[in-house]
Amino acid sequence: MIQNNLFHFFKGVEAKARSTDPETSFEAAESIMPKLNEVQKQVEEYAISRNRMGFTDYEMNDHFNHTGSTYRSRRAELADRGVIIDTGRRKQRGEGGRNHIIWMHRDYK
């Protein structure tokens, strides 16, 4: 049931930066740590609200009125855990833009 899957608690989740990233990336990763689980909950809730229509990362960022990678990174973590899945469908962004994955919550598979 979808409601039972909402608000997962993910132990061991941590913000990451590549060893080659600038110092600001490490600072950003450290600053987001307290919010990780909350943002994941928001992303999962959004995915559920989109049901079988799914969403692209751009649509998700528009929904949260955000331009950075915070929500995309949390979506990626949820995808790694199988909570958010690749529908196999793609959507083109803008005239002649590249294709983007349409994601959805696993309960709508």
PDB file of N, CA and C in Angstrom:
ATOM      1  N   MET A   1       0.840  -1.188   0.000  1.00  0.00           N
ATOM      2  CA  MET A   1       0.000   0.000   0.000  1.00  0.00           C
ATOM      3  C   MET A   1       0.881   1.246   0.000  1.00  0.00           C
ATOM      4  N   ILE A   2       0.483   2.229  -0.746  1.00  0.00           N
ATOM      5  CA  ILE A   2       1.276   3.450  -0.912  1.00  0.00           C
ATOM      6  C   ILE A   2       1.494   4.163   0.410  1.00  0.00           C
ATOM      7  N   GLN A   3       0.456   4.334   1.193  1.00  0.00           N
ATOM      8  CA  GLN A   3       0.573   5.080   2.446  1.00  0.00           C
ATOM      9  C   GLN A   3       1.617   4.468   3.370  1.00  0.00           C
ATOM     10  N   ASN A   4       1.726   3.148   3.386  1.00  0.00           N
ATOM     11  CA  ASN A   4       2.709   2.497   4.237  1.00  0.00           C
ATOM     12  C   ASN A   4       4.139   2.781   3.802  1.00  0.00           C
ATOM     13  N   ASN A   5       4.346   3.080   2.535  1.00  0.00           N
ATOM     14  CA  ASN A   5       5.689   3.354   2.032  1.00  0.00           C
ATOM     15  C   ASN A   5       6.121   4.798   2.244  1.00  0.00           C
ATOM     16  N   LEU A   6       5.179   5.677   2.502  1.00  0.00           N
ATOM     17  CA  LEU A   6       5.488   7.090   2.659  1.00  0.00           C
ATOM     18  C   LEU A   6       6.302   7.321   3.923  1.00  0.00           C
ATOM     19  N   PHE A   7       7.236   8.228   3.853  1.00  0.00           N
ATOM     20  CA  PHE A   7       8.069   8.644   4.979  1.00  0.00           C
ATOM     21  C   PHE A   7       8.976   7.532   5.489  1.00  0.00           C
ATOM     22  N   HIS A   8       9.722   6.947   4.556  1.00  0.00           N
ATOM     23  CA  HIS A   8      10.724   5.959   4.937  1.00  0.00           C
ATOM     24  C   HIS A   8      11.812   6.639   5.753  1.00  0.00           C
ATOM     25  N   PHE A   9      12.390   5.901   6.668  1.00  0.00           N
ATOM     26  CA  PHE A   9      13.551   6.403   7.383  1.00  0.00           C
ATOM     27  C   PHE A   9      14.751   5.657   6.847  1.00  0.00           C
ATOM     28  N   PHE A  10      15.699   6.369   6.268  1.00  0.00           N
ATOM     29  CA  PHE A  10      16.859   5.734   5.653  1.00  0.00           C
ATOM     30  C   PHE A  10      18.061   5.894   6.551  1.00  0.00           C
ATOM     31  N   LYS A  11      18.484   4.803   7.169  1.00  0.00           N
ATOM     32  CA  LYS A  11      19.687   4.824   7.993  1.00  0.00           C
ATOM     33  C   LYS A  11      20.911   4.835   7.084  1.00  0.00           C
ATOM     34  N   GLY A  12      21.923   5.528   7.506  1.00  0.00           N
ATOM     35  CA  GLY A  12      23.174   5.536   6.772  1.00  0.00           C
ATOM     36  C   GLY A  12      23.214   6.456   5.575  1.00  0.00           C
ATOM     37  N   VAL A  13      22.179   7.240   5.360  1.00  0.00           N
ATOM     38  CA  VAL A  13      22.179   8.173   4.244  1.00  0.00           C
ATOM     39  C   VAL A  13      23.049   9.365   4.619  1.00  0.00           C
ATOM     40  N   GLU A  14      23.884   9.760   3.689  1.00  0.00           N
ATOM     41  CA  GLU A  14      24.718  10.932   3.953  1.00  0.00           C
ATOM     42  C   GLU A  14      24.949  11.711   2.675  1.00  0.00           C
ATOM     43  N   ALA A  15      25.123  12.996   2.836  1.00  0.00           N
ATOM     44  CA  ALA A  15      25.428  13.847   1.689  1.00  0.00           C
ATOM     45  C   ALA A  15      26.836  13.527   1.227  1.00  0.00           C
ATOM     46  N   LYS A  16      27.054  13.653  -0.073  1.00  0.00           N
ATOM     47  CA  LYS A  16      28.353  13.277  -0.622  1.00  0.00           C
ATOM     48  C   LYS A  16      28.918  14.382  -1.497  1.00  0.00           C
ATOM     49  N   ALA A  17      30.231  14.402  -1.561  1.00  0.00           N
ATOM     50  CA  ALA A  17      30.949  15.251  -2.507  1.00  0.00           C
ATOM     51  C   ALA A  17      32.117  14.418  -3.016  1.00  0.00           C
ATOM     52  N   ARG A  18      32.479  14.615  -4.265  1.00  0.00           N
ATOM     53  CA  ARG A  18      33.606  13.882  -4.852  1.00  0.00           C
ATOM     54  C   ARG A  18      34.918  14.437  -4.313  1.00  0.00           C
ATOM     55  N   SER A  19      35.915  13.604  -4.234  1.00  0.00           N
ATOM     56  CA  SER A  19      37.216  14.050  -3.719  1.00  0.00           C
ATOM     57  C   SER A  19      37.805  15.171  -4.579  1.00  0.00           C
ATOM     58  N   THR A  20      37.376  15.241  -5.826  1.00  0.00           N
ATOM     59  CA  THR A  20      37.893  16.285  -6.725  1.00  0.00           C
ATOM     60  C   THR A  20      37.053  17.560  -6.695  1.00  0.00           C
ATOM     61  N   ASP A  21      35.950  17.542  -5.952  1.00  0.00           N
ATOM     62  CA  ASP A  21      35.073  18.709  -5.878  1.00  0.00           C
ATOM     63  C   ASP A  21      35.734  19.838  -5.085  1.00  0.00           C
ATOM     64  N   PRO A  22      35.330  21.069  -5.374  1.00  0.00           N
ATOM     65  CA  PRO A  22      35.875  22.194  -4.604  1.00  0.00           C
ATOM     66  C   PRO A  22      35.355  22.174  -3.163  1.00  0.00           C
ATOM     67  N   GLU A  23      36.022  22.924  -2.332  1.00  0.00           N
ATOM     68  CA  GLU A  23      35.675  23.006  -0.912  1.00  0.00           C
ATOM     69  C   GLU A  23      34.201  23.356  -0.702  1.00  0.00           C
ATOM     70  N   THR A  24      33.655  24.182  -1.576  1.00  0.00           N
ATOM     71  CA  THR A  24      32.251  24.587  -1.424  1.00  0.00           C
ATOM     72  C   THR A  24      31.293  23.401  -1.534  1.00  0.00           C
ATOM     73  N   SER A  25      31.658  22.381  -2.314  1.00  0.00           N
ATOM     74  CA  SER A  25      30.811  21.189  -2.427  1.00  0.00           C
ATOM     75  C   SER A  25      30.779  20.423  -1.115  1.00  0.00           C
ATOM     76  N   PHE A  26      31.906  20.345  -0.438  1.00  0.00           N
ATOM     77  CA  PHE A  26      31.942  19.674   0.857  1.00  0.00           C
ATOM     78  C   PHE A  26      31.141  20.456   1.897  1.00  0.00           C
ATOM     79  N   GLU A  27      31.222  21.773   1.837  1.00  0.00           N
ATOM     80  CA  GLU A  27      30.444  22.611   2.748  1.00  0.00           C
ATOM     81  C   GLU A  27      28.949  22.434   2.491  1.00  0.00           C
ATOM     82  N   ALA A  28      28.576  22.369   1.226  1.00  0.00           N
ATOM     83  CA  ALA A  28      27.172  22.176   0.873  1.00  0.00           C
ATOM     84  C   ALA A  28      26.684  20.818   1.358  1.00  0.00           C
ATOM     85  N   ALA A  29      27.482  19.786   1.168  1.00  0.00           N
ATOM     86  CA  ALA A  29      27.105  18.444   1.617  1.00  0.00           C
ATOM     87  C   ALA A  29      26.913  18.411   3.122  1.00  0.00           C
ATOM     88  N   GLU A  30      27.807  19.054   3.849  1.00  0.00           N
ATOM     89  CA  GLU A  30      27.699  19.086   5.302  1.00  0.00           C
ATOM     90  C   GLU A  30      26.465  19.863   5.754  1.00  0.00           C
ATOM     91  N   SER A  31      26.142  20.948   5.068  1.00  0.00           N
ATOM     92  CA  SER A  31      25.021  21.779   5.493  1.00  0.00           C
ATOM     93  C   SER A  31      23.665  21.111   5.258  1.00  0.00           C
ATOM     94  N   ILE A  32      23.588  20.198   4.286  1.00  0.00           N
ATOM     95  CA  ILE A  32      22.315  19.558   3.964  1.00  0.00           C
ATOM     96  C   ILE A  32      22.035  18.343   4.853  1.00  0.00           C
ATOM     97  N   MET A  33      23.049  17.811   5.523  1.00  0.00           N
ATOM     98  CA  MET A  33      22.887  16.580   6.305  1.00  0.00           C
ATOM     99  C   MET A  33      21.644  16.563   7.201  1.00  0.00           C
ATOM    100  N   PRO A  34      21.391  17.597   8.012  1.00  0.00           N
ATOM    101  CA  PRO A  34      20.219  17.524   8.892  1.00  0.00           C
ATOM    102  C   PRO A  34      18.889  17.468   8.138  1.00  0.00           C
ATOM    103  N   LYS A  35      18.878  17.867   6.885  1.00  0.00           N
ATOM    104  CA  LYS A  35      17.639  17.945   6.122  1.00  0.00           C
ATOM    105  C   LYS A  35      17.418  16.763   5.181  1.00  0.00           C
ATOM    106  N   LEU A  36      18.380  15.856   5.073  1.00  0.00           N
ATOM    107  CA  LEU A  36      18.303  14.785   4.088  1.00  0.00           C
ATOM    108  C   LEU A  36      17.010  13.985   4.168  1.00  0.00           C
ATOM    109  N   ASN A  37      16.695  13.461   5.328  1.00  0.00           N
ATOM    110  CA  ASN A  37      15.504  12.625   5.446  1.00  0.00           C
ATOM    111  C   ASN A  37      14.237  13.417   5.153  1.00  0.00           C
ATOM    112  N   GLU A  38      14.183  14.660   5.573  1.00  0.00           N
ATOM    113  CA  GLU A  38      12.999  15.493   5.313  1.00  0.00           C
ATOM    114  C   GLU A  38      12.836  15.740   3.809  1.00  0.00           C
ATOM    115  N   VAL A  39      13.917  16.034   3.129  1.00  0.00           N
ATOM    116  CA  VAL A  39      13.839  16.275   1.688  1.00  0.00           C
ATOM    117  C   VAL A  39      13.470  14.981   0.960  1.00  0.00           C
ATOM    118  N   GLN A  40      13.999  13.854   1.396  1.00  0.00           N
ATOM    119  CA  GLN A  40      13.613  12.572   0.804  1.00  0.00           C
ATOM    120  C   GLN A  40      12.113  12.327   0.976  1.00  0.00           C
ATOM    121  N   LYS A  41      11.596  12.651   2.139  1.00  0.00           N
ATOM    122  CA  LYS A  41      10.151  12.505   2.373  1.00  0.00           C
ATOM    123  C   LYS A  41       9.361  13.379   1.401  1.00  0.00           C
ATOM    124  N   GLN A  42       9.825  14.602   1.192  1.00  0.00           N
ATOM    125  CA  GLN A  42       9.146  15.512   0.273  1.00  0.00           C
ATOM    126  C   GLN A  42       9.171  14.962  -1.153  1.00  0.00           C
ATOM    127  N   VAL A  43      10.313  14.423  -1.555  1.00  0.00           N
ATOM    128  CA  VAL A  43      10.438  13.865  -2.904  1.00  0.00           C
ATOM    129  C   VAL A  43       9.534  12.642  -3.055  1.00  0.00           C
ATOM    130  N   GLU A  44       9.515  11.780  -2.070  1.00  0.00           N
ATOM    131  CA  GLU A  44       8.648  10.600  -2.149  1.00  0.00           C
ATOM    132  C   GLU A  44       7.179  11.013  -2.191  1.00  0.00           C
ATOM    133  N   GLU A  45       6.806  11.971  -1.384  1.00  0.00           N
ATOM    134  CA  GLU A  45       5.427  12.459  -1.380  1.00  0.00           C
ATOM    135  C   GLU A  45       5.058  13.051  -2.748  1.00  0.00           C
ATOM    136  N   TYR A  46       5.981  13.792  -3.339  1.00  0.00           N
ATOM    137  CA  TYR A  46       5.751  14.352  -4.668  1.00  0.00           C
ATOM    138  C   TYR A  46       5.564  13.231  -5.686  1.00  0.00           C
ATOM    139  N   ALA A  47       6.424  12.211  -5.635  1.00  0.00           N
ATOM    140  CA  ALA A  47       6.317  11.088  -6.572  1.00  0.00           C
ATOM    141  C   ALA A  47       4.960  10.411  -6.443  1.00  0.00           C
ATOM    142  N   ILE A  48       4.488  10.243  -5.236  1.00  0.00           N
ATOM    143  CA  ILE A  48       3.175   9.631  -5.012  1.00  0.00           C
ATOM    144  C   ILE A  48       2.083  10.514  -5.588  1.00  0.00           C
ATOM    145  N   SER A  49       2.215  11.814  -5.432  1.00  0.00           N
ATOM    146  CA  SER A  49       1.190  12.733  -5.946  1.00  0.00           C
ATOM    147  C   SER A  49       1.121  12.712  -7.473  1.00  0.00           C
ATOM    148  N   ARG A  50       2.223  12.349  -8.125  1.00  0.00           N
ATOM    149  CA  ARG A  50       2.274  12.307  -9.593  1.00  0.00           C
ATOM    150  C   ARG A  50       1.768  10.973 -10.146  1.00  0.00           C
ATOM    151  N   ASN A  51       1.492  10.021  -9.280  1.00  0.00           N
ATOM    152  CA  ASN A  51       1.023   8.677  -9.615  1.00  0.00           C
ATOM    153  C   ASN A  51       1.665   8.145 -10.887  1.00  0.00           C
ATOM    154  N   ARG A  52       0.893   7.545 -11.786  1.00  0.00           N
ATOM    155  CA  ARG A  52       1.462   6.913 -12.983  1.00  0.00           C
ATOM    156  C   ARG A  52       1.962   7.918 -14.024  1.00  0.00           C
ATOM    157  N   MET A  53       1.589   9.184 -13.886  1.00  0.00           N
ATOM    158  CA  MET A  53       2.095  10.197 -14.823  1.00  0.00           C
ATOM    159  C   MET A  53       3.601  10.324 -14.698  1.00  0.00           C
ATOM    160  N   GLY A  54       4.094  10.180 -13.486  1.00  0.00           N
ATOM    161  CA  GLY A  54       5.515  10.322 -13.240  1.00  0.00           C
ATOM    162  C   GLY A  54       5.981  11.758 -13.347  1.00  0.00           C
ATOM    163  N   PHE A  55       7.290  11.943 -13.377  1.00  0.00           N
ATOM    164  CA  PHE A  55       7.865  13.291 -13.382  1.00  0.00           C
ATOM    165  C   PHE A  55       9.320  13.223 -13.829  1.00  0.00           C
ATOM    166  N   THR A  56       9.797  14.319 -14.360  1.00  0.00           N
ATOM    167  CA  THR A  56      11.220  14.455 -14.669  1.00  0.00           C
ATOM    168  C   THR A  56      11.871  15.236 -13.529  1.00  0.00           C
ATOM    169  N   ASP A  57      13.177  15.216 -13.499  1.00  0.00           N
ATOM    170  CA  ASP A  57      13.876  16.008 -12.479  1.00  0.00           C
ATOM    171  C   ASP A  57      13.559  17.487 -12.633  1.00  0.00           C
ATOM    172  N   TYR A  58      13.424  17.963 -13.874  1.00  0.00           N
ATOM    173  CA  TYR A  58      13.089  19.374 -14.087  1.00  0.00           C
ATOM    174  C   TYR A  58      11.710  19.699 -13.525  1.00  0.00           C
ATOM    175  N   GLU A  59      10.751  18.818 -13.761  1.00  0.00           N
ATOM    176  CA  GLU A  59       9.404  19.048 -13.218  1.00  0.00           C
ATOM    177  C   GLU A  59       9.425  19.048 -11.697  1.00  0.00           C
ATOM    178  N   MET A  60      10.198  18.141 -11.124  1.00  0.00           N
ATOM    179  CA  MET A  60      10.307  18.076  -9.673  1.00  0.00           C
ATOM    180  C   MET A  60      10.925  19.363  -9.131  1.00  0.00           C
ATOM    181  N   ASN A  61      12.002  19.829  -9.746  1.00  0.00           N
ATOM    182  CA  ASN A  61      12.622  21.073  -9.288  1.00  0.00           C
ATOM    183  C   ASN A  61      11.665  22.254  -9.438  1.00  0.00           C
ATOM    184  N   ASP A  62      10.899  22.287 -10.533  1.00  0.00           N
ATOM    185  CA  ASP A  62       9.888  23.342 -10.701  1.00  0.00           C
ATOM    186  C   ASP A  62       8.869  23.286  -9.568  1.00  0.00           C
ATOM    187  N   HIS A  63       8.437  22.080  -9.233  1.00  0.00           N
ATOM    188  CA  HIS A  63       7.457  21.906  -8.155  1.00  0.00           C
ATOM    189  C   HIS A  63       7.980  22.484  -6.843  1.00  0.00           C
ATOM    190  N   PHE A  64       9.248  22.215  -6.556  1.00  0.00           N
ATOM    191  CA  PHE A  64       9.839  22.693  -5.308  1.00  0.00           C
ATOM    192  C   PHE A  64      10.457  24.082  -5.444  1.00  0.00           C
ATOM    193  N   ASN A  65      10.289  24.697  -6.641  1.00  0.00           N
ATOM    194  CA  ASN A  65      10.833  26.028  -6.893  1.00  0.00           C
ATOM    195  C   ASN A  65      12.324  26.076  -6.534  1.00  0.00           C
ATOM    196  N   HIS A  66      13.058  25.116  -7.092  1.00  0.00           N
ATOM    197  CA  HIS A  66      14.467  24.952  -6.757  1.00  0.00           C
ATOM    198  C   HIS A  66      15.268  24.702  -8.034  1.00  0.00           C
ATOM    199  N   THR A  67      16.455  25.262  -8.107  1.00  0.00           N
ATOM    200  CA  THR A  67      17.278  25.079  -9.309  1.00  0.00           C
ATOM    201  C   THR A  67      18.534  24.257  -9.061  1.00  0.00           C
ATOM    202  N   GLY A  68      18.873  23.978  -7.837  1.00  0.00           N
ATOM    203  CA  GLY A  68      20.092  23.228  -7.530  1.00  0.00           C
ATOM    204  C   GLY A  68      19.888  21.724  -7.629  1.00  0.00           C
ATOM    205  N   SER A  69      20.823  20.984  -7.061  1.00  0.00           N
ATOM    206  CA  SER A  69      20.795  19.527  -7.160  1.00  0.00           C
ATOM    207  C   SER A  69      20.222  18.838  -5.923  1.00  0.00           C
ATOM    208  N   THR A  70      19.777  19.598  -4.922  1.00  0.00           N
ATOM    209  CA  THR A  70      19.312  19.007  -3.670  1.00  0.00           C
ATOM    210  C   THR A  70      18.212  17.975  -3.894  1.00  0.00           C
ATOM    211  N   TYR A  71      17.170  18.332  -4.613  1.00  0.00           N
ATOM    212  CA  TYR A  71      16.041  17.415  -4.802  1.00  0.00           C
ATOM    213  C   TYR A  71      16.405  16.292  -5.766  1.00  0.00           C
ATOM    214  N   ARG A  72      17.179  16.595  -6.792  1.00  0.00           N
ATOM    215  CA  ARG A  72      17.617  15.557  -7.726  1.00  0.00           C
ATOM    216  C   ARG A  72      18.477  14.524  -7.009  1.00  0.00           C
ATOM    217  N   SER A  73      19.348  14.982  -6.140  1.00  0.00           N
ATOM    218  CA  SER A  73      20.197  14.054  -5.386  1.00  0.00           C
ATOM    219  C   SER A  73      19.372  13.162  -4.468  1.00  0.00           C
ATOM    220  N   ARG A  74      18.362  13.736  -3.828  1.00  0.00           N
ATOM    221  CA  ARG A  74      17.495  12.921  -2.963  1.00  0.00           C
ATOM    222  C   ARG A  74      16.678  11.941  -3.793  1.00  0.00           C
ATOM    223  N   ARG A  75      16.234  12.354  -5.004  1.00  0.00           N
ATOM    224  CA  ARG A  75      15.526  11.437  -5.898  1.00  0.00           C
ATOM    225  C   ARG A  75      16.447  10.297  -6.293  1.00  0.00           C
ATOM    226  N   ALA A  76      17.715  10.612  -6.571  1.00  0.00           N
ATOM    227  CA  ALA A  76      18.686   9.584  -6.946  1.00  0.00           C
ATOM    228  C   ALA A  76      18.882   8.589  -5.803  1.00  0.00           C
ATOM    229  N   GLU A  77      18.939   9.069  -4.578  1.00  0.00           N
ATOM    230  CA  GLU A  77      19.073   8.171  -3.425  1.00  0.00           C
ATOM    231  C   GLU A  77      17.857   7.257  -3.314  1.00  0.00           C
ATOM    232  N   LEU A  78      16.670   7.832  -3.520  1.00  0.00           N
ATOM    233  CA  LEU A  78      15.452   7.024  -3.480  1.00  0.00           C
ATOM    234  C   LEU A  78      15.434   6.022  -4.632  1.00  0.00           C
ATOM    235  N   ALA A  79      15.946   6.408  -5.784  1.00  0.00           N
ATOM    236  CA  ALA A  79      16.029   5.488  -6.927  1.00  0.00           C
ATOM    237  C   ALA A  79      17.011   4.357  -6.615  1.00  0.00           C
ATOM    238  N   ASP A  80      18.114   4.675  -5.973  1.00  0.00           N
ATOM    239  CA  ASP A  80      19.088   3.640  -5.595  1.00  0.00           C
ATOM    240  C   ASP A  80      18.465   2.597  -4.674  1.00  0.00           C
ATOM    241  N   ARG A  81      17.489   3.017  -3.898  1.00  0.00           N
ATOM    242  CA  ARG A  81      16.818   2.114  -2.958  1.00  0.00           C
ATOM    243  C   ARG A  81      15.565   1.467  -3.552  1.00  0.00           C
ATOM    244  N   GLY A  82      15.260   1.818  -4.798  1.00  0.00           N
ATOM    245  CA  GLY A  82      14.112   1.211  -5.457  1.00  0.00           C
ATOM    246  C   GLY A  82      12.777   1.829  -5.096  1.00  0.00           C
ATOM    247  N   VAL A  83      12.783   2.942  -4.391  1.00  0.00           N
ATOM    248  CA  VAL A  83      11.542   3.622  -4.013  1.00  0.00           C
ATOM    249  C   VAL A  83      11.001   4.411  -5.199  1.00  0.00           C
ATOM    250  N   ILE A  84      11.892   5.045  -5.930  1.00  0.00           N
ATOM    251  CA  ILE A  84      11.562   5.774  -7.153  1.00  0.00           C
ATOM    252  C   ILE A  84      12.160   4.962  -8.305  1.00  0.00           C
ATOM    253  N   ILE A  85      11.377   4.742  -9.363  1.00  0.00           N
ATOM    254  CA  ILE A  85      11.861   3.908 -10.466  1.00  0.00           C
ATOM    255  C   ILE A  85      11.794   4.656 -11.798  1.00  0.00           C
ATOM    256  N   ASP A  86      12.645   4.232 -12.712  1.00  0.00           N
ATOM    257  CA  ASP A  86      12.666   4.725 -14.092  1.00  0.00           C
ATOM    258  C   ASP A  86      11.503   4.046 -14.812  1.00  0.00           C
ATOM    259  N   THR A  87      10.596   4.828 -15.375  1.00  0.00           N
ATOM    260  CA  THR A  87       9.424   4.268 -16.056  1.00  0.00           C
ATOM    261  C   THR A  87       9.780   3.672 -17.414  1.00  0.00           C
ATOM    262  N   GLY A  88      10.957   4.012 -17.931  1.00  0.00           N
ATOM    263  CA  GLY A  88      11.318   3.602 -19.282  1.00  0.00           C
ATOM    264  C   GLY A  88      10.844   4.615 -20.312  1.00  0.00           C
ATOM    265  N   ARG A  89      10.045   5.594 -19.864  1.00  0.00           N
ATOM    266  CA  ARG A  89       9.569   6.647 -20.758  1.00  0.00           C
ATOM    267  C   ARG A  89      10.506   7.842 -20.663  1.00  0.00           C
ATOM    268  N   ARG A  90      10.512   8.656 -21.714  1.00  0.00           N
ATOM    269  CA  ARG A  90      11.342   9.855 -21.748  1.00  0.00           C
ATOM    270  C   ARG A  90      10.496  11.039 -22.187  1.00  0.00           C
ATOM    271  N   LYS A  91      10.899  12.212 -21.752  1.00  0.00           N
ATOM    272  CA  LYS A  91      10.210  13.437 -22.142  1.00  0.00           C
ATOM    273  C   LYS A  91      11.261  14.443 -22.573  1.00  0.00           C
ATOM    274  N   GLN A  92      10.993  15.082 -23.698  1.00  0.00           N
ATOM    275  CA  GLN A  92      11.910  16.089 -24.207  1.00  0.00           C
ATOM    276  C   GLN A  92      11.613  17.418 -23.528  1.00  0.00           C
ATOM    277  N   ARG A  93      12.652  18.102 -23.133  1.00  0.00           N
ATOM    278  CA  ARG A  93      12.495  19.404 -22.476  1.00  0.00           C
ATOM    279  C   ARG A  93      12.778  20.498 -23.486  1.00  0.00           C
ATOM    280  N   GLY A  94      11.752  21.288 -23.804  1.00  0.00           N
ATOM    281  CA  GLY A  94      11.904  22.408 -24.718  1.00  0.00           C
ATOM    282  C   GLY A  94      12.043  21.972 -26.167  1.00  0.00           C
ATOM    283  N   GLU A  95      12.002  22.946 -27.027  1.00  0.00           N
ATOM    284  CA  GLU A  95      12.163  22.697 -28.464  1.00  0.00           C
ATOM    285  C   GLU A  95      13.551  22.136 -28.731  1.00  0.00           C
ATOM    286  N   GLY A  96      13.595  20.924 -29.230  1.00  0.00           N
ATOM    287  CA  GLY A  96      14.874  20.319 -29.584  1.00  0.00           C
ATOM    288  C   GLY A  96      15.756  19.966 -28.408  1.00  0.00           C
ATOM    289  N   GLY A  97      15.203  20.012 -27.200  1.00  0.00           N
ATOM    290  CA  GLY A  97      15.985  19.676 -26.013  1.00  0.00           C
ATOM    291  C   GLY A  97      16.239  18.181 -25.909  1.00  0.00           C
ATOM    292  N   ARG A  98      17.103  17.825 -25.004  1.00  0.00           N
ATOM    293  CA  ARG A  98      17.409  16.401 -24.846  1.00  0.00           C
ATOM    294  C   ARG A  98      16.319  15.711 -24.021  1.00  0.00           C
ATOM    295  N   ASN A  99      16.289  14.396 -24.131  1.00  0.00           N
ATOM    296  CA  ASN A  99      15.297  13.608 -23.412  1.00  0.00           C
ATOM    297  C   ASN A  99      15.671  13.470 -21.945  1.00  0.00           C
ATOM    298  N   HIS A 100      14.652  13.385 -21.104  1.00  0.00           N
ATOM    299  CA  HIS A 100      14.837  13.217 -19.666  1.00  0.00           C
ATOM    300  C   HIS A 100      14.017  12.032 -19.189  1.00  0.00           C
ATOM    301  N   ILE A 101      14.561  11.320 -18.227  1.00  0.00           N
ATOM    302  CA  ILE A 101      13.876  10.163 -17.656  1.00  0.00           C
ATOM    303  C   ILE A 101      12.608  10.613 -16.947  1.00  0.00           C
ATOM    304  N   ILE A 102      11.552   9.846 -17.125  1.00  0.00           N
ATOM    305  CA  ILE A 102      10.329  10.044 -16.355  1.00  0.00           C
ATOM    306  C   ILE A 102      10.357   9.021 -15.219  1.00  0.00           C
ATOM    307  N   TRP A 103      10.375   9.538 -14.013  1.00  0.00           N
ATOM    308  CA  TRP A 103      10.439   8.730 -12.800  1.00  0.00           C
ATOM    309  C   TRP A 103       9.038   8.571 -12.217  1.00  0.00           C
ATOM    310  N   MET A 104       8.838   7.535 -11.397  1.00  0.00           N
ATOM    311  CA  MET A 104       7.593   7.400 -10.635  1.00  0.00           C
ATOM    312  C   MET A 104       7.844   6.556  -9.389  1.00  0.00           C
ATOM    313  N   HIS A 105       6.904   6.642  -8.465  1.00  0.00           N
ATOM    314  CA  HIS A 105       6.977   5.851  -7.244  1.00  0.00           C
ATOM    315  C   HIS A 105       6.760   4.379  -7.579  1.00  0.00           C
ATOM    316  N   ARG A 106       7.474   3.511  -6.933  1.00  0.00           N
ATOM    317  CA  ARG A 106       7.402   2.073  -7.244  1.00  0.00           C
ATOM    318  C   ARG A 106       6.016   1.478  -7.077  1.00  0.00           C
ATOM    319  N   ASP A 107       5.180   2.062  -6.249  1.00  0.00           N
ATOM    320  CA  ASP A 107       3.840   1.511  -6.025  1.00  0.00           C
ATOM    321  C   ASP A 107       2.903   1.724  -7.205  1.00  0.00           C
ATOM    322  N   TYR A 108       3.328   2.511  -8.191  1.00  0.00           N
ATOM    323  CA  TYR A 108       2.503   2.715  -9.385  1.00  0.00           C
ATOM    324  C   TYR A 108       2.992   1.886 -10.559  1.00  0.00           C
ATOM    325  N   LYS A 109       3.978   1.051 -10.326  1.00  0.00           N
ATOM    326  CA  LYS A 109       4.556   0.191 -11.373  1.00  0.00           C
ATOM    327  C   LYS A 109       3.510  -0.725 -11.956  1.00  0.00           C
TER     328      LYS A 109
END
